[in-house]
Amino acid sequence: MKRTTIDPVKKKKLVLVGNGPAGFKFCEKFVKYRLGKQFDLVVYGEEIHPAYDRIHLTDFFAGGSAEKLYLATPAWYAQHKITLKTGQRVVAINRSEKLLTSSTGVTEQYDTLVLATGAVPFVPAWADTSQPGVFIYRTLEDLKAIQAYLQKGRRAAVLGGGILGLEAARALLQEGLHTSIVETAPHLMPRQLDAEGATLLRRQLEALGLDIHCGKHAQHISGKGIDCTDGTLIPADLVIISAGITPRDELARACGLNIGAAGGIVVNNHNLTSDEHIFAIGECALSDGKIWGLAAPCFEMAEVVAARLAKIYKVFGGHLPLTKLKVIEVNVASFGDAAGLQPHTPLVSSGPGTYKRINISPDGQYVLGGIFVGDTTGSTRLFHMQRNRVKITGDPAALIAPGADAAETIASLPGDTVICLCEGLCKDAIVADIRGNNLTRLDEVRKTTGAGTGCESCTSLLEDLLNEMQKIIQNENPTR
């Protein structure tokens, strides 16, 4: 009798275009959901480096190496049977034949395509970045070029007073340059802070030695510095442009995918584009009419797409993330409806060098948003109360009162509260890992659960949760 053999099911080809943080997060989720059983994953990265941590890019100025910023080594990709092609830019997509072409002339077939092409810094039409001493601030290669140009004692100016601009300015100041910040808006961090919080932030940054120029409309960069429309010249030998981002949608636009009026690849709430075989995640994706330019929502998009490929039907929530300024000497946090655009009751607490404001729903039951400058204690917990619609118990003013009980706040969060947005981990899951693995240190919690390894905004909440669990476990086992 002739024996018949059954050929194994041929895997489908999954191609990821873009190897930034969102792209790497998708690779992690590819491993998590064991998608390697169904797909062969090929990753195209335009830069010569594997994915690296853009959140801590300014650490490179402090003597850090490129390798220390890597999110994974090439060996990690090989270990998980992911084909990584660095230094190869995808230049065309043929949707009808499901083919893409790289800058090296290589063509790649795909069954499913994920675009994670990210964004580029917005450069005003009048700014010429080809001039000596004019730089953008986005990649490791940008930072290497800036570092090579630095000379102590010279003057520098940063165009843009948002989060990245402030972090770049602080890095230049630490390198010994006299540094100015030029911001068009009336105050710094206009998307995250109100006037009072920004005023305090400005005083603290000026105390560090930064020169702040708000309400200035730049119109020209010359060898002498930045010329403003009011006739002011901000002197500078080196200028960094950090004035927002523009989504990289040129590939999608060229192949006929739907693009937003102001740019960005239009996606639905599970990040599918107008082509049923193509997804888009990260800063290139226009979801709910917005470009979500911070880590947590971009990582959530990666989770949504990987889960759906594994037949787990998640949707992108589109929550306003927690934003933190990572300048060591200055603490700033902002979350939710910080500007108070919806009906609210503001609660304010201020003291020497500190400013706290939370916006409460008119009925006093929910936190809607908040601003913390100088002291960000409690901001992460309040953010999670806002995101998870946790009801306020007791007097709302106590939430930002000096000496508020952190343990009581973390204890009040329900078990299904999502603690780590990047990994989608809830309180109960983390508690179970702490108990089951006898975890006693924060680094153990991070390594075992994966919580706090993305944008790190949940770190303080993880610390509070770990401390609470240690007390509970000790009470359960007093002889330990």
Protein backbone atom coordinates (compact mmCIF):
# COMPACT_ATOMS: atom_id res chain seq x y z
CA MET A 1 0.00 0.00 0.00
CA LYS A 2 1.42 3.34 -1.03
CA ARG A 3 1.98 5.71 1.86
CA THR A 4 0.84 9.28 1.33
CA THR A 5 2.62 12.16 2.95
CA ILE A 6 1.01 15.39 4.00
CA ASP A 7 3.04 18.49 3.29
CA PRO A 8 3.24 20.93 6.18
CA VAL A 9 1.16 24.05 5.78
CA LYS A 10 3.24 26.72 4.10
CA LYS A 11 3.76 29.78 6.23
CA LYS A 12 2.56 33.14 5.05
CA LYS A 13 4.97 36.04 4.58
CA LEU A 14 4.60 38.91 7.06
CA VAL A 15 6.68 41.99 6.28
CA LEU A 16 7.30 44.87 8.68
CA VAL A 17 8.54 48.14 7.18
CA GLY A 18 10.20 50.22 9.89
CA ASN A 19 12.39 49.15 12.76
CA GLY A 20 11.89 51.96 15.25
CA PRO A 21 10.51 51.42 18.76
CA ALA A 22 6.96 50.71 17.54
CA GLY A 23 8.31 48.27 14.96
CA PHE A 24 10.40 46.50 17.57
CA LYS A 25 7.42 46.33 19.92
CA PHE A 26 5.55 44.56 17.11
CA CYS A 27 8.44 42.07 16.88
CA GLU A 28 8.15 41.42 20.62
CA LYS A 29 4.42 40.83 20.25
CA PHE A 30 5.12 38.55 17.27
CA VAL A 31 7.11 36.40 19.67
CA LYS A 32 4.57 36.73 22.50
CA TYR A 33 1.67 35.51 20.36
CA ARG A 34 3.78 32.79 18.72
CA LEU A 35 3.00 34.13 15.29
CA GLY A 36 6.09 32.34 13.97
CA LYS A 37 3.90 29.24 13.61
CA GLN A 38 1.87 31.01 10.91
CA PHE A 39 4.20 33.62 9.47
CA ASP A 40 7.75 34.19 8.37
CA LEU A 41 8.56 37.73 9.53
CA VAL A 42 10.91 39.97 7.55
CA VAL A 43 11.81 43.38 8.98
CA TYR A 44 13.16 46.26 6.89
CA GLY A 45 15.01 49.00 8.77
CA GLU A 46 16.22 52.12 7.00
CA GLU A 47 18.94 52.85 9.56
CA ILE A 48 22.06 50.71 9.87
CA HIS A 49 21.27 50.05 13.54
CA PRO A 50 18.79 47.56 14.91
CA ALA A 51 15.91 49.15 16.83
CA TYR A 52 17.04 51.48 19.61
CA ASP A 53 15.49 53.46 22.44
CA ARG A 54 14.54 56.92 21.19
CA ILE A 55 12.99 57.79 24.57
CA HIS A 56 16.49 57.93 26.11
CA LEU A 57 18.26 59.31 23.06
CA THR A 58 19.72 62.23 25.02
CA ASP A 59 21.67 59.69 27.12
CA PHE A 60 23.94 59.39 24.09
CA PHE A 61 25.30 62.86 24.87
CA ALA A 62 26.24 61.74 28.38
CA GLY A 63 28.82 59.30 27.08
CA GLY A 64 26.43 56.50 26.22
CA SER A 65 27.13 54.19 23.30
CA ALA A 66 24.77 53.32 20.49
CA GLU A 67 24.83 49.68 21.57
CA LYS A 68 23.55 50.58 25.06
CA LEU A 69 20.45 52.08 23.44
CA TYR A 70 19.72 48.97 21.37
CA LEU A 71 16.40 47.37 22.26
CA ALA A 72 17.73 44.03 21.06
CA THR A 73 20.82 42.68 19.35
CA PRO A 74 20.81 41.14 15.86
CA ALA A 75 21.21 37.81 17.66
CA TRP A 76 17.81 38.31 19.32
CA TYR A 77 16.11 38.56 15.93
CA ALA A 78 17.95 35.48 14.71
CA GLN A 79 17.02 33.56 17.87
CA HIS A 80 13.34 34.18 17.17
CA LYS A 81 13.72 33.44 13.46
CA ILE A 82 12.98 37.02 12.43
CA THR A 83 14.85 38.17 9.32
CA LEU A 84 16.26 41.65 9.97
CA LYS A 85 17.40 43.74 7.01
CA THR A 86 19.04 46.97 8.24
CA GLY A 87 20.25 49.79 6.03
CA GLN A 88 17.54 49.02 3.47
CA ARG A 89 14.86 51.58 2.72
CA VAL A 90 11.65 50.37 1.11
CA VAL A 91 10.99 52.64 -1.87
CA ALA A 92 7.83 51.20 -3.44
CA ILE A 93 4.82 49.01 -2.69
CA ASN A 94 2.93 47.19 -5.41
CA ARG A 95 -0.41 46.39 -3.79
CA SER A 96 -1.92 44.47 -6.71
CA GLU A 97 0.98 41.99 -6.74
CA LYS A 98 1.75 42.28 -3.01
CA LEU A 99 5.36 43.19 -3.65
CA LEU A 100 7.67 45.79 -2.21
CA THR A 101 10.99 47.05 -3.52
CA SER A 102 13.96 48.17 -1.42
CA SER A 103 16.63 50.78 -2.13
CA THR A 104 19.03 47.95 -2.98
CA GLY A 105 16.73 46.72 -5.75
CA VAL A 106 15.53 43.70 -3.80
CA THR A 107 11.85 42.78 -4.18
CA GLU A 108 9.93 41.08 -1.39
CA GLN A 109 6.57 39.33 -1.60
CA TYR A 110 4.14 39.68 1.29
CA ASP A 111 0.83 38.26 2.39
CA THR A 112 0.41 40.79 5.18
CA LEU A 113 2.26 44.10 5.46
CA VAL A 114 2.73 46.24 8.57
CA LEU A 115 3.88 49.83 8.04
CA ALA A 116 5.77 51.33 10.98
CA THR A 117 7.58 54.05 9.05
CA GLY A 118 7.39 56.54 11.91
CA ALA A 119 7.82 60.27 11.48
CA VAL A 120 10.43 62.89 10.69
CA PRO A 121 11.00 66.20 12.45
CA PHE A 122 8.91 69.04 11.09
CA VAL A 123 11.21 71.54 9.39
CA PRO A 124 9.74 74.97 8.53
CA ALA A 125 9.89 75.85 4.83
CA TRP A 126 12.27 78.73 5.52
CA ALA A 127 14.79 76.58 7.44
CA ASP A 128 17.76 75.17 5.51
CA THR A 129 19.15 72.10 7.30
CA SER A 130 21.99 71.85 4.79
CA GLN A 131 23.65 74.90 6.37
CA PRO A 132 26.67 74.16 8.60
CA GLY A 133 25.59 74.06 12.23
CA VAL A 134 21.85 73.42 11.56
CA PHE A 135 20.56 70.03 12.68
CA ILE A 136 17.42 68.04 13.25
CA TYR A 137 17.09 65.82 16.32
CA ARG A 138 15.70 62.37 15.64
CA THR A 139 18.20 59.57 15.06
CA LEU A 140 21.51 58.30 16.37
CA GLU A 141 23.16 59.61 13.23
CA ASP A 142 21.70 63.07 13.93
CA LEU A 143 23.19 62.99 17.43
CA LYS A 144 26.56 61.82 16.14
CA ALA A 145 26.63 64.76 13.70
CA ILE A 146 25.69 67.20 16.47
CA GLN A 147 28.29 65.75 18.81
CA ALA A 148 31.00 66.11 16.17
CA TYR A 149 30.10 69.79 15.76
CA LEU A 150 30.04 70.68 19.47
CA GLN A 151 32.57 73.07 20.94
CA LYS A 152 32.38 74.17 24.54
CA GLY A 153 31.75 77.86 25.09
CA ARG A 154 29.85 78.32 21.84
CA ARG A 155 26.20 79.30 21.69
CA ALA A 156 23.37 76.96 20.77
CA ALA A 157 19.66 77.44 20.18
CA VAL A 158 16.83 74.92 20.05
CA LEU A 159 13.81 75.77 17.93
CA GLY A 160 10.89 74.26 19.83
CA GLY A 161 9.91 74.27 23.49
CA GLY A 162 8.17 70.89 23.60
CA ILE A 163 9.39 67.80 25.44
CA LEU A 164 12.10 66.73 22.99
CA GLY A 165 13.30 70.31 22.49
CA LEU A 166 13.73 70.81 26.24
CA GLU A 167 15.60 67.55 26.61
CA ALA A 168 17.89 68.49 23.70
CA ALA A 169 18.53 71.93 25.23
CA ARG A 170 19.47 70.39 28.57
CA ALA A 171 21.88 68.01 26.86
CA LEU A 172 23.58 70.90 25.04
CA LEU A 173 23.84 72.87 28.28
CA GLN A 174 25.52 69.90 29.94
CA GLU A 175 28.03 69.84 27.09
CA GLY A 176 29.12 73.36 28.04
CA LEU A 177 27.22 75.39 25.43
CA HIS A 178 25.28 78.58 26.22
CA THR A 179 21.83 77.40 25.18
CA SER A 180 18.60 79.19 24.25
CA ILE A 181 15.12 77.81 23.60
CA VAL A 182 12.86 79.52 21.06
CA GLU A 183 9.13 78.68 21.27
CA THR A 184 6.32 80.14 19.15
CA ALA A 185 3.62 79.56 21.77
CA PRO A 186 3.21 81.89 24.77
CA HIS A 187 4.72 79.27 27.10
CA LEU A 188 6.73 76.05 27.15
CA MET A 189 5.14 72.63 26.57
CA PRO A 190 1.91 74.24 25.32
CA ARG A 191 0.23 70.88 24.66
CA GLN A 192 0.83 69.57 28.17
CA LEU A 193 0.91 72.53 30.58
CA ASP A 194 -1.23 75.49 31.56
CA ALA A 195 0.26 78.97 31.99
CA GLU A 196 0.89 78.57 35.73
CA GLY A 197 2.68 75.24 35.40
CA ALA A 198 4.72 76.48 32.46
CA THR A 199 5.77 79.60 34.38
CA LEU A 200 7.22 77.45 37.17
CA LEU A 201 8.92 75.17 34.64
CA ARG A 202 10.48 78.17 32.94
CA ARG A 203 11.87 79.48 36.24
CA GLN A 204 13.40 76.11 37.03
CA LEU A 205 14.99 75.76 33.59
CA GLU A 206 16.34 79.33 33.73
CA ALA A 207 17.88 78.50 37.10
CA LEU A 208 19.82 75.74 35.32
CA GLY A 209 21.23 78.32 32.90
CA LEU A 210 18.91 78.04 29.90
CA ASP A 211 17.71 81.21 28.11
CA ILE A 212 13.99 80.96 27.32
CA HIS A 213 12.29 82.95 24.54
CA CYS A 214 8.54 82.29 24.26
CA GLY A 215 6.09 83.96 21.89
CA LYS A 216 8.84 84.31 19.29
CA HIS A 217 8.14 83.57 15.62
CA ALA A 218 11.34 82.50 13.89
CA GLN A 219 11.69 83.33 10.20
CA HIS A 220 15.32 82.72 9.24
CA ILE A 221 18.44 80.87 10.37
CA SER A 222 21.76 82.48 9.54
CA GLY A 223 25.34 81.97 10.59
CA LYS A 224 24.61 84.37 13.45
CA GLY A 225 21.58 82.56 14.88
CA ILE A 226 17.78 82.65 14.62
CA ASP A 227 16.08 85.78 13.27
CA CYS A 228 12.55 86.40 14.59
CA THR A 229 9.72 88.38 13.01
CA ASP A 230 9.87 91.03 15.76
CA GLY A 231 13.48 91.84 14.83
CA THR A 232 15.02 89.82 17.64
CA LEU A 233 18.17 87.82 16.90
CA ILE A 234 18.75 84.77 19.11
CA PRO A 235 22.53 84.31 18.77
CA ALA A 236 23.69 80.76 18.02
CA ASP A 237 26.57 78.95 16.36
CA LEU A 238 24.56 75.72 16.41
CA VAL A 239 20.79 75.36 15.87
CA ILE A 240 18.69 72.25 16.55
CA ILE A 241 15.19 72.12 15.06
CA SER A 242 12.76 70.26 17.30
CA ALA A 243 9.40 71.75 16.34
CA GLY A 244 7.16 68.70 16.13
CA ILE A 245 6.90 65.77 13.74
CA THR A 246 5.53 64.94 10.31
CA PRO A 247 4.27 61.37 9.71
CA ARG A 248 6.17 59.42 7.09
CA ASP A 249 3.37 58.43 4.77
CA GLU A 250 5.08 58.78 1.40
CA LEU A 251 5.13 55.02 0.71
CA ALA A 252 1.46 54.68 1.58
CA ARG A 253 0.56 57.77 -0.41
CA ALA A 254 2.42 56.54 -3.50
CA CYS A 255 0.66 53.16 -3.49
CA GLY A 256 -2.80 54.71 -3.10
CA LEU A 257 -3.68 54.09 0.55
CA ASN A 258 -6.01 56.60 2.19
CA ILE A 259 -4.11 59.54 3.71
CA GLY A 260 -5.40 62.20 6.11
CA ALA A 261 -5.82 65.78 4.94
CA ALA A 262 -2.82 66.87 7.03
CA GLY A 263 -0.90 63.62 6.51
CA GLY A 264 -0.80 60.22 8.18
CA ILE A 265 -2.01 56.81 7.02
CA VAL A 266 -5.71 56.48 7.83
CA VAL A 267 -6.45 53.37 9.95
CA ASN A 268 -9.49 52.00 11.74
CA ASN A 269 -9.59 51.04 15.42
CA HIS A 270 -7.61 47.86 14.80
CA ASN A 271 -5.02 49.71 12.72
CA LEU A 272 -6.07 48.35 9.35
CA THR A 273 -5.53 50.70 6.41
CA SER A 274 -7.80 51.05 3.38
CA ASP A 275 -6.12 47.86 2.08
CA GLU A 276 -7.26 44.72 3.92
CA HIS A 277 -3.73 43.27 3.75
CA ILE A 278 -1.89 46.32 5.15
CA PHE A 279 -1.75 47.61 8.72
CA ALA A 280 -0.08 50.79 9.99
CA ILE A 281 1.21 51.43 13.52
CA GLY A 282 3.09 54.14 15.38
CA GLU A 283 3.67 57.73 14.35
CA CYS A 284 2.79 57.15 10.68
CA ALA A 285 -0.76 56.05 11.56
CA LEU A 286 -3.70 58.45 11.71
CA SER A 287 -6.13 56.92 14.19
CA ASP A 288 -9.26 58.69 15.43
CA GLY A 289 -8.12 61.73 13.49
CA LYS A 290 -4.82 61.99 15.42
CA ILE A 291 -1.16 61.17 15.10
CA TRP A 292 -0.24 59.55 18.42
CA GLY A 293 3.34 60.68 18.82
CA LEU A 294 4.18 59.18 22.23
CA ALA A 295 5.45 55.72 23.10
CA ALA A 296 2.53 54.18 24.99
CA PRO A 297 -0.19 54.58 22.30
CA CYS A 298 2.25 53.56 19.55
CA PHE A 299 3.13 50.41 21.51
CA GLU A 300 -0.56 49.73 22.06
CA MET A 301 -1.04 49.78 18.27
CA ALA A 302 1.66 47.10 17.92
CA GLU A 303 -0.17 44.97 20.49
CA VAL A 304 -3.49 45.41 18.68
CA VAL A 305 -2.14 44.29 15.29
CA ALA A 306 -0.14 41.32 16.60
CA ALA A 307 -3.12 40.16 18.67
CA ARG A 308 -5.46 40.37 15.69
CA LEU A 309 -3.08 38.32 13.56
CA ALA A 310 -3.32 35.73 16.34
CA LYS A 311 -7.16 35.89 16.07
CA ILE A 312 -7.47 37.83 19.33
CA TYR A 313 -9.64 40.82 18.51
CA LYS A 314 -8.35 43.82 20.39
CA VAL A 315 -8.99 47.43 19.42
CA PHE A 316 -6.89 50.57 19.82
CA GLY A 317 -8.29 52.59 22.71
CA GLY A 318 -6.77 55.93 21.80
CA HIS A 319 -6.25 57.07 25.39
CA LEU A 320 -4.36 60.27 26.07
CA PRO A 321 -1.05 59.08 27.55
CA LEU A 322 0.96 60.15 30.56
CA THR A 323 3.70 62.55 29.44
CA LYS A 324 6.85 63.05 31.49
CA LEU A 325 9.78 65.38 30.93
CA LYS A 326 12.98 63.44 31.43
CA VAL A 327 15.28 66.23 32.60
CA ILE A 328 16.94 65.04 35.80
CA GLU A 329 16.72 68.30 37.75
CA VAL A 330 13.17 69.16 36.70
CA ASN A 331 10.13 66.93 37.18
CA VAL A 332 7.07 67.42 34.96
CA ALA A 333 4.10 65.16 34.29
CA SER A 334 0.88 65.74 32.37
CA PHE A 335 -1.99 63.42 31.53
CA GLY A 336 -5.55 63.21 30.23
CA ASP A 337 -7.45 66.44 29.71
CA ALA A 338 -4.76 68.55 31.32
CA ALA A 339 -5.91 71.70 29.52
CA GLY A 340 -9.47 71.34 30.82
CA LEU A 341 -11.16 71.29 27.41
CA GLN A 342 -14.20 69.44 28.73
CA PRO A 343 -16.42 70.57 31.62
CA HIS A 344 -14.45 70.19 34.85
CA THR A 345 -13.63 71.50 38.29
CA PRO A 346 -9.93 72.37 38.73
CA LEU A 347 -8.16 71.56 42.00
CA VAL A 348 -4.80 73.27 42.53
CA SER A 349 -2.06 72.77 45.09
CA SER A 350 1.17 74.76 45.00
CA GLY A 351 4.17 75.31 47.21
CA PRO A 352 7.82 76.33 46.95
CA GLY A 353 8.96 74.94 43.59
CA THR A 354 5.86 72.79 43.06
CA TYR A 355 2.58 73.06 41.18
CA LYS A 356 -0.16 70.45 41.00
CA ARG A 357 -3.48 70.71 39.22
CA ILE A 358 -6.04 68.00 38.62
CA ASN A 359 -9.26 68.44 36.69
CA ILE A 360 -12.22 66.67 38.27
CA SER A 361 -15.54 65.85 36.63
CA PRO A 362 -18.31 68.29 37.63
CA ASP A 363 -19.94 65.62 39.81
CA GLY A 364 -16.66 65.12 41.70
CA GLN A 365 -16.47 61.41 40.92
CA TYR A 366 -13.68 61.11 38.35
CA VAL A 367 -10.22 62.46 37.55
CA LEU A 368 -10.14 63.91 34.02
CA GLY A 369 -6.55 65.13 33.74
CA GLY A 370 -3.65 66.62 35.61
CA ILE A 371 -0.47 68.71 35.59
CA PHE A 372 2.47 68.23 37.96
CA VAL A 373 5.57 70.43 37.99
CA GLY A 374 8.42 70.19 40.49
CA ASP A 375 6.98 67.15 42.26
CA THR A 376 5.33 64.39 40.24
CA THR A 377 4.52 62.16 43.21
CA GLY A 378 1.14 60.58 42.67
CA SER A 379 0.83 61.55 39.00
CA THR A 380 1.09 57.99 37.70
CA ARG A 381 -1.59 56.70 40.07
CA LEU A 382 -3.93 59.57 39.19
CA PHE A 383 -3.33 58.93 35.51
CA HIS A 384 -4.41 55.33 35.93
CA MET A 385 -7.47 56.45 37.87
CA GLN A 386 -8.33 58.69 34.92
CA ARG A 387 -7.63 56.08 32.25
CA ASN A 388 -9.50 53.28 34.02
CA ARG A 389 -12.41 55.46 35.19
CA VAL A 390 -11.79 54.66 38.86
CA LYS A 391 -14.21 56.51 41.11
CA ILE A 392 -12.84 58.96 43.64
CA THR A 393 -13.52 57.96 47.23
CA GLY A 394 -13.48 60.68 49.86
CA ASP A 395 -12.43 64.28 49.33
CA PRO A 396 -10.96 64.82 45.83
CA ALA A 397 -8.65 67.54 47.19
CA ALA A 398 -6.86 64.86 49.22
CA LEU A 399 -5.52 63.35 45.97
CA ILE A 400 -3.00 66.18 45.57
CA ALA A 401 -2.63 67.22 49.20
CA PRO A 402 0.96 67.15 50.56
CA GLY A 403 1.74 63.73 51.97
CA ALA A 404 -1.10 61.89 50.19
CA ASP A 405 -1.02 58.19 51.06
CA ALA A 406 0.41 56.42 48.00
CA ALA A 407 -0.30 52.91 49.32
CA GLU A 408 -3.96 53.75 49.93
CA THR A 409 -4.26 55.01 46.35
CA ILE A 410 -2.69 51.91 44.74
CA ALA A 411 -4.75 49.66 47.00
CA SER A 412 -7.93 51.36 45.81
CA LEU A 413 -7.31 50.49 42.15
CA PRO A 414 -9.43 47.50 40.97
CA GLY A 415 -7.63 44.30 39.98
CA ASP A 416 -8.41 44.77 36.29
CA THR A 417 -6.76 48.21 36.23
CA VAL A 418 -4.21 48.31 33.40
CA ILE A 419 -0.92 49.22 35.11
CA CYS A 420 1.46 48.90 32.16
CA LEU A 421 -0.04 50.41 29.01
CA CYS A 422 2.77 49.25 26.73
CA GLU A 423 2.35 45.58 27.67
CA GLY A 424 -1.36 45.70 28.53
CA LEU A 425 -0.71 44.23 32.00
CA CYS A 426 -3.34 44.62 34.71
CA LYS A 427 -2.83 44.85 38.45
CA ASP A 428 -4.04 41.28 39.16
CA ALA A 429 -1.60 39.77 36.63
CA ILE A 430 1.38 41.60 38.11
CA VAL A 431 0.32 40.71 41.66
CA ALA A 432 0.07 37.05 40.63
CA ASP A 433 3.62 37.15 39.25
CA ILE A 434 4.93 38.86 42.39
CA ARG A 435 3.36 36.17 44.55
CA GLY A 436 4.06 33.21 42.29
CA ASN A 437 7.71 34.07 41.71
CA ASN A 438 8.45 35.58 45.14
CA LEU A 439 9.59 38.85 43.56
CA THR A 440 11.04 41.39 45.98
CA ARG A 441 12.88 43.86 43.73
CA LEU A 442 11.66 46.22 41.01
CA ASP A 443 14.14 44.86 38.46
CA GLU A 444 12.78 41.36 39.11
CA VAL A 445 9.22 42.56 38.51
CA ARG A 446 10.23 44.28 35.28
CA LYS A 447 12.14 41.27 33.97
CA THR A 448 9.49 38.70 34.90
CA THR A 449 6.36 40.58 33.84
CA GLY A 450 7.70 42.92 31.14
CA ALA A 451 5.96 45.82 32.89
CA GLY A 452 7.85 49.10 32.87
CA THR A 453 10.16 48.07 30.04
CA GLY A 454 8.58 50.29 27.37
CA CYS A 455 7.94 53.98 27.97
CA GLU A 456 8.57 53.48 31.74
CA SER A 457 5.70 55.77 32.76
CA CYS A 458 4.34 53.08 35.11
CA THR A 459 7.58 52.66 37.08
CA SER A 460 6.48 54.57 40.18
CA LEU A 461 3.16 52.71 40.23
CA LEU A 462 5.02 49.38 40.00
CA GLU A 463 7.17 50.43 42.95
CA ASP A 464 4.08 51.27 45.01
CA LEU A 465 2.43 47.98 44.03
CA LEU A 466 5.54 45.99 44.95
CA ASN A 467 5.83 47.76 48.32
CA GLU A 468 2.16 47.11 49.04
CA MET A 469 2.49 43.42 48.17
CA GLN A 470 5.57 43.02 50.37
CA LYS A 471 3.61 44.41 53.33
CA ILE A 472 0.66 42.12 52.60
CA ILE A 473 2.85 39.03 52.23
CA GLN A 474 4.75 39.91 55.40
CA ASN A 475 1.49 40.21 57.34
CA GLU A 476 0.37 36.85 55.96
CA ASN A 477 3.67 35.23 56.95
CA PRO A 478 4.98 37.16 59.98
CA THR A 479 7.81 34.68 60.60
CA ARG A 480 9.38 35.24 57.18
